[in-house]
Amino acid sequence: MTTIAVTGASGFCGSHVAVTAAARGADVLCVGRRPGPVGRHVPWDAAYEVPDLSGADLVVHCAAAVGDPVPGSPAEAAMHAVNVDGTARLLEAAAGRPVVWVSSASVYAPSRCSRITEEHPVGGHLNAYGRTKAAGEALALAAGAVVLRPRAVYGAQDPHLVPRLLARVRRGLLMLPGPSVRLSLTAVENLTDACLMAASWPPGAYNIADPAPYDRDEAVHAVLHAHGVRARIVHLPPALARAAANAVQSASRLRPRSEPLLTRYAVEQLARPVVLDVSRALERGWEPRYTLGDPALRPAAPVPR
């Protein structure tokens, strides 16, 4: 029986990987601060410690600090400690074991390219998350890991993407920057399948996304409808949205321990088309089977408003 160590197994992506790995017959080690949904818990604080990976045949590294912290804040330092220093500690402990490292399309430099391949420049990051994920994946790539780059991972029990979207609905209105654009999204099930296949792939980076990109506004409406929320989308001029984000970010420096309500990173993620080319992963036999319209990815009950 294969033993798979899944870091961050108590989190959104990690829990899906751990449950699916166990269902497919693997012995699972849930490595992190809190126990995972299956298997044996191996305590690890990525910000301070080298994990004990004894007995693991494969490591899937899902643990990460996420968010959009104020530059120079304690939260930014904590993010670096987990996403960069924690990666170095993990790779030290892996000691030659295969490592699948879950990164993010946030590492890519902003662009209006029609399709983004893995050769697209990494840089020009607008926040600490992109910078630290890029720095962490650079360590992983240098160590010979397989790095997966999903974009906007969504699915049941999503604690980040959908809650933030729903929280921005005010009086039946949702303001989005500029006209609708084409965007890649990644169902957590598609990412999970890649995580459990990728150990046999050649080392390097692989984009992971749903079979086809989505129209932004249509995707947003689908999410709102699935959660029982009725709202009309209002298009803000992109320049106005960016100016508002800059103002909010500047004011947030007075409260460095709280995350800004609006950031330039968030605006750019919605205002610019981002379509990932997943050909490299497809060539390895991975097949994205889930889409935003799949009923299995919808919540069991409407979110109260």
Protein backbone atom coordinates (compact mmCIF):
# COMPACT_ATOMS: atom_id res chain seq x y z
CA MET A 1 0.00 0.00 0.00
CA THR A 2 1.29 3.44 -0.95
CA THR A 3 1.63 5.92 1.91
CA ILE A 4 0.93 9.52 0.90
CA ALA A 5 1.79 12.45 3.14
CA VAL A 6 -0.61 15.33 2.48
CA THR A 7 0.36 18.65 4.04
CA GLY A 8 -2.44 21.06 4.86
CA ALA A 9 -4.89 18.13 4.94
CA SER A 10 -7.25 20.02 7.26
CA GLY A 11 -7.64 22.75 4.63
CA PHE A 12 -9.78 23.02 1.52
CA CYS A 13 -7.54 21.48 -1.15
CA GLY A 14 -5.60 19.21 1.19
CA SER A 15 -8.73 17.64 2.66
CA HIS A 16 -10.01 16.74 -0.81
CA VAL A 17 -6.65 15.17 -1.70
CA ALA A 18 -6.52 13.21 1.57
CA VAL A 19 -10.08 11.86 1.28
CA THR A 20 -9.67 10.89 -2.37
CA ALA A 21 -6.29 9.24 -1.75
CA ALA A 22 -7.77 7.16 1.08
CA ALA A 23 -10.77 6.20 -1.07
CA ARG A 24 -8.38 4.94 -3.73
CA GLY A 25 -6.61 2.68 -1.26
CA ALA A 26 -3.67 4.77 -0.04
CA ASP A 27 -2.51 5.06 3.54
CA VAL A 28 -2.69 8.80 4.32
CA LEU A 29 -0.57 10.88 6.67
CA CYS A 30 -2.25 14.23 7.36
CA VAL A 31 0.63 16.60 8.01
CA GLY A 32 -0.25 19.94 9.59
CA ARG A 33 -1.32 21.84 12.67
CA ARG A 34 -4.73 20.15 12.78
CA PRO A 35 -5.86 16.58 12.03
CA GLY A 36 -7.18 15.86 8.57
CA PRO A 37 -10.42 14.08 7.67
CA VAL A 38 -8.82 10.64 7.31
CA GLY A 39 -5.63 8.79 8.17
CA ARG A 40 -3.05 9.55 10.84
CA HIS A 41 -2.25 13.06 12.01
CA VAL A 42 1.40 14.14 11.92
CA PRO A 43 1.67 17.51 13.75
CA TRP A 44 3.59 20.19 11.83
CA ASP A 45 3.76 23.95 11.95
CA ALA A 46 5.19 24.96 8.57
CA ALA A 47 6.35 28.31 9.92
CA TYR A 48 8.73 26.80 12.45
CA GLU A 49 9.39 23.08 12.10
CA VAL A 50 10.76 20.37 9.83
CA PRO A 51 8.00 17.76 9.38
CA ASP A 52 8.35 14.09 10.20
CA LEU A 53 7.67 12.28 6.92
CA SER A 54 8.74 8.85 8.13
CA GLY A 55 7.04 6.11 6.18
CA ALA A 56 5.78 8.35 3.37
CA ASP A 57 6.32 7.20 -0.21
CA LEU A 58 4.99 10.42 -1.74
CA VAL A 59 4.45 13.98 -0.50
CA VAL A 60 1.63 16.21 -1.76
CA HIS A 61 2.23 19.71 -0.42
CA CYS A 62 -1.04 21.62 -0.16
CA ALA A 63 -0.24 23.64 2.98
CA ALA A 64 -0.07 27.37 2.33
CA ALA A 65 -0.78 30.75 3.85
CA VAL A 66 -3.34 32.56 1.69
CA GLY A 67 -4.77 36.06 1.59
CA ASP A 68 -3.87 39.55 0.50
CA PRO A 69 -2.04 41.12 3.47
CA VAL A 70 -0.87 44.68 3.86
CA PRO A 71 2.72 45.10 2.58
CA GLY A 72 5.20 45.03 5.42
CA SER A 73 2.63 43.70 7.89
CA PRO A 74 3.07 40.81 10.33
CA ALA A 75 0.69 38.82 8.12
CA GLU A 76 3.04 39.23 5.17
CA ALA A 77 5.97 37.99 7.27
CA ALA A 78 3.89 35.02 8.43
CA MET A 79 3.02 34.22 4.82
CA HIS A 80 6.69 34.15 3.86
CA ALA A 81 7.46 31.90 6.83
CA VAL A 82 4.92 29.32 5.63
CA ASN A 83 5.08 29.56 1.84
CA VAL A 84 8.83 29.98 1.43
CA ASP A 85 10.63 28.89 4.61
CA GLY A 86 8.07 26.13 5.14
CA THR A 87 8.77 24.82 1.65
CA ALA A 88 12.49 24.65 2.41
CA ARG A 89 11.75 22.67 5.57
CA LEU A 90 9.44 20.32 3.69
CA LEU A 91 11.98 19.65 0.96
CA GLU A 92 14.62 18.94 3.61
CA ALA A 93 12.33 16.36 5.20
CA ALA A 94 11.28 14.83 1.87
CA ALA A 95 14.86 13.65 1.37
CA GLY A 96 14.50 12.36 -2.19
CA ARG A 97 10.83 11.30 -1.99
CA PRO A 98 8.63 12.41 -4.90
CA VAL A 99 7.02 15.78 -4.12
CA VAL A 100 3.93 17.28 -5.76
CA TRP A 101 3.87 20.97 -4.82
CA VAL A 102 0.61 22.86 -5.24
CA SER A 103 1.37 26.37 -6.46
CA SER A 104 -0.90 28.94 -8.09
CA ALA A 105 -1.40 30.79 -11.36
CA SER A 106 -0.84 33.90 -9.22
CA VAL A 107 2.88 33.39 -9.85
CA TYR A 108 2.47 34.56 -13.47
CA ALA A 109 3.21 38.13 -14.47
CA PRO A 110 0.07 40.12 -15.38
CA SER A 111 -0.60 39.83 -19.09
CA ARG A 112 -3.22 40.03 -21.82
CA CYS A 113 -1.93 36.94 -23.61
CA SER A 114 -4.73 34.86 -25.13
CA ARG A 115 -3.40 31.71 -23.44
CA ILE A 116 -0.82 31.36 -20.69
CA THR A 117 1.59 28.45 -20.92
CA GLU A 118 4.05 27.31 -18.29
CA GLU A 119 6.75 29.32 -20.09
CA HIS A 120 4.97 32.59 -19.33
CA PRO A 121 7.15 34.92 -17.20
CA VAL A 122 6.93 34.55 -13.44
CA GLY A 123 7.12 37.94 -11.76
CA GLY A 124 5.49 41.36 -11.46
CA HIS A 125 3.49 40.17 -8.48
CA LEU A 126 0.91 42.52 -7.02
CA ASN A 127 0.79 40.98 -3.56
CA ALA A 128 2.65 38.86 -1.04
CA TYR A 129 0.75 35.71 -1.94
CA GLY A 130 2.01 35.74 -5.54
CA ARG A 131 5.55 36.62 -4.45
CA THR A 132 5.78 33.94 -1.78
CA LYS A 133 4.20 31.23 -3.91
CA ALA A 134 6.67 32.05 -6.68
CA ALA A 135 9.60 31.90 -4.26
CA GLY A 136 8.37 28.64 -2.77
CA GLU A 137 7.81 26.96 -6.09
CA ALA A 138 11.27 28.04 -7.26
CA LEU A 139 12.71 26.01 -4.37
CA ALA A 140 10.48 23.07 -5.25
CA LEU A 141 11.42 23.17 -8.94
CA ALA A 142 15.12 23.34 -8.08
CA ALA A 143 14.65 20.22 -5.94
CA GLY A 144 13.04 18.31 -8.81
CA ALA A 145 9.41 18.48 -7.69
CA VAL A 146 6.31 18.50 -9.84
CA VAL A 147 4.63 21.90 -9.44
CA LEU A 148 0.92 22.35 -10.18
CA ARG A 149 -0.45 25.80 -11.02
CA PRO A 150 -4.25 25.93 -10.63
CA ARG A 151 -6.26 29.14 -10.80
CA ALA A 152 -9.15 30.16 -8.50
CA VAL A 153 -9.84 26.73 -7.02
CA TYR A 154 -13.51 26.26 -6.16
CA GLY A 155 -15.82 23.53 -4.92
CA ALA A 156 -17.85 22.29 -1.97
CA GLN A 157 -16.66 23.70 1.37
CA ASP A 158 -14.61 26.40 -0.39
CA PRO A 159 -13.64 28.82 2.40
CA HIS A 160 -12.07 31.52 0.22
CA LEU A 161 -13.27 32.25 -3.31
CA VAL A 162 -17.06 31.94 -3.06
CA PRO A 163 -17.43 33.48 0.44
CA ARG A 164 -15.49 36.55 -0.69
CA LEU A 165 -17.68 36.88 -3.77
CA LEU A 166 -20.90 36.57 -1.78
CA ALA A 167 -19.67 39.09 0.80
CA ARG A 168 -19.37 41.73 -1.91
CA VAL A 169 -23.03 41.65 -2.87
CA ARG A 170 -24.67 44.80 -1.54
CA ARG A 171 -28.39 45.56 -1.89
CA GLY A 172 -28.74 43.21 -4.83
CA LEU A 173 -25.72 44.63 -6.66
CA LEU A 174 -22.26 43.23 -7.33
CA MET A 175 -19.67 45.60 -8.75
CA LEU A 176 -17.01 44.12 -11.03
CA PRO A 177 -14.17 45.92 -12.84
CA GLY A 178 -14.65 46.46 -16.54
CA PRO A 179 -16.55 44.34 -19.07
CA SER A 180 -16.65 40.57 -18.79
CA VAL A 181 -13.50 38.62 -19.71
CA ARG A 182 -12.55 34.96 -20.21
CA LEU A 183 -11.13 33.31 -17.11
CA SER A 184 -9.80 29.89 -16.19
CA LEU A 185 -11.10 28.34 -12.97
CA THR A 186 -10.14 25.04 -11.35
CA ALA A 187 -12.58 22.62 -9.72
CA VAL A 188 -10.97 21.17 -6.59
CA GLU A 189 -11.75 17.68 -7.93
CA ASN A 190 -9.73 18.38 -11.08
CA LEU A 191 -6.82 19.59 -8.95
CA THR A 192 -7.13 16.55 -6.68
CA ASP A 193 -6.88 14.17 -9.63
CA ALA A 194 -3.76 15.97 -10.82
CA CYS A 195 -2.19 15.85 -7.34
CA LEU A 196 -2.60 12.07 -7.18
CA MET A 197 -1.35 11.47 -10.73
CA ALA A 198 1.53 13.90 -10.93
CA ALA A 199 4.14 11.97 -8.97
CA SER A 200 4.87 10.00 -12.15
CA TRP A 201 5.19 13.11 -14.33
CA PRO A 202 8.55 14.61 -15.27
CA PRO A 203 9.63 17.35 -12.83
CA GLY A 204 8.49 20.84 -13.77
CA ALA A 205 5.47 23.12 -13.79
CA TYR A 206 1.98 22.19 -15.04
CA ASN A 207 -1.09 24.39 -15.41
CA ILE A 208 -4.26 22.84 -13.99
CA ALA A 209 -7.73 24.18 -14.88
CA ASP A 210 -11.20 23.15 -15.99
CA PRO A 211 -11.70 21.90 -19.60
CA ALA A 212 -12.53 25.37 -20.96
CA PRO A 213 -12.39 28.96 -19.71
CA TYR A 214 -15.52 30.70 -18.50
CA ASP A 215 -17.16 34.00 -19.28
CA ARG A 216 -16.58 35.91 -16.04
CA ASP A 217 -20.05 37.36 -15.64
CA GLU A 218 -21.77 34.08 -16.57
CA ALA A 219 -19.64 32.21 -14.03
CA VAL A 220 -20.43 34.75 -11.31
CA HIS A 221 -24.14 34.51 -12.03
CA ALA A 222 -23.91 30.70 -11.84
CA VAL A 223 -22.23 30.87 -8.44
CA LEU A 224 -24.74 33.38 -7.10
CA HIS A 225 -27.65 31.30 -8.37
CA ALA A 226 -26.22 28.13 -6.81
CA HIS A 227 -26.14 29.90 -3.45
CA GLY A 228 -29.63 31.31 -3.73
CA VAL A 229 -28.42 34.88 -4.15
CA ARG A 230 -30.01 37.24 -6.67
CA ALA A 231 -27.83 40.16 -7.73
CA ARG A 232 -27.24 42.38 -10.73
CA ILE A 233 -23.68 42.87 -11.94
CA VAL A 234 -22.56 46.47 -12.37
CA HIS A 235 -19.45 47.13 -14.46
CA LEU A 236 -17.10 49.73 -12.99
CA PRO A 237 -14.55 51.42 -15.27
CA PRO A 238 -11.27 49.56 -14.66
CA ALA A 239 -9.38 52.81 -14.00
CA LEU A 240 -11.89 53.73 -11.29
CA ALA A 241 -11.65 50.27 -9.72
CA ARG A 242 -7.84 50.44 -9.68
CA ALA A 243 -7.89 53.94 -8.15
CA ALA A 244 -10.29 52.76 -5.45
CA ALA A 245 -8.10 49.75 -4.72
CA ASN A 246 -4.99 51.92 -4.43
CA ALA A 247 -6.79 54.25 -2.02
CA VAL A 248 -8.04 51.38 0.13
CA GLN A 249 -4.61 49.77 0.20
CA SER A 250 -2.95 53.05 1.21
CA ALA A 251 -5.44 53.55 4.04
CA SER A 252 -4.97 49.95 5.19
CA ARG A 253 -1.38 50.67 6.16
CA LEU A 254 -2.82 52.35 9.24
CA ARG A 255 -4.30 48.98 10.25
CA PRO A 256 -1.57 46.49 9.25
CA ARG A 257 -3.17 43.56 11.08
CA SER A 258 -6.36 43.63 9.02
CA GLU A 259 -6.66 42.60 5.36
CA PRO A 260 -7.82 45.36 2.97
CA LEU A 261 -11.39 45.02 1.69
CA LEU A 262 -10.23 45.86 -1.84
CA THR A 263 -6.79 45.44 -3.41
CA ARG A 264 -5.15 46.01 -6.78
CA TYR A 265 -4.50 42.26 -6.97
CA ALA A 266 -8.22 41.49 -6.61
CA VAL A 267 -9.10 44.02 -9.30
CA GLU A 268 -6.57 42.63 -11.78
CA GLN A 269 -7.71 39.06 -11.16
CA LEU A 270 -11.18 40.03 -12.37
CA ALA A 271 -10.39 42.72 -14.93
CA ARG A 272 -7.81 40.90 -17.07
CA PRO A 273 -8.45 37.74 -19.09
CA VAL A 274 -6.50 34.79 -17.69
CA VAL A 275 -6.74 31.56 -19.67
CA LEU A 276 -4.40 28.72 -18.75
CA ASP A 277 -3.09 26.35 -21.40
CA VAL A 278 -3.29 22.87 -19.81
CA SER A 279 -1.84 20.93 -22.75
CA ARG A 280 1.22 19.81 -20.78
CA ALA A 281 -0.89 18.07 -18.11
CA LEU A 282 -3.25 16.61 -20.72
CA GLU A 283 -0.29 15.01 -22.46
CA ARG A 284 0.44 13.13 -19.22
CA GLY A 285 -3.00 11.55 -19.16
CA TRP A 286 -4.72 13.94 -16.76
CA GLU A 287 -8.30 14.72 -17.72
CA PRO A 288 -10.33 17.55 -16.12
CA ARG A 289 -13.73 15.92 -15.55
CA TYR A 290 -15.53 18.61 -13.57
CA THR A 291 -16.88 22.05 -14.43
CA LEU A 292 -18.61 24.89 -12.65
CA GLY A 293 -21.97 23.57 -13.84
CA ASP A 294 -21.51 20.17 -12.19
CA PRO A 295 -24.24 19.73 -9.53
CA ALA A 296 -21.73 17.93 -7.29
CA LEU A 297 -19.83 21.19 -6.85
CA ARG A 298 -22.83 23.18 -5.68
CA PRO A 299 -23.65 23.76 -2.02
CA ALA A 300 -26.09 21.41 -0.29
CA ALA A 301 -28.27 24.35 0.78
CA PRO A 302 -28.52 28.07 -0.03
CA VAL A 303 -26.33 30.38 2.00
CA PRO A 304 -28.56 32.66 4.14
CA ARG A 305 -28.48 36.32 3.10
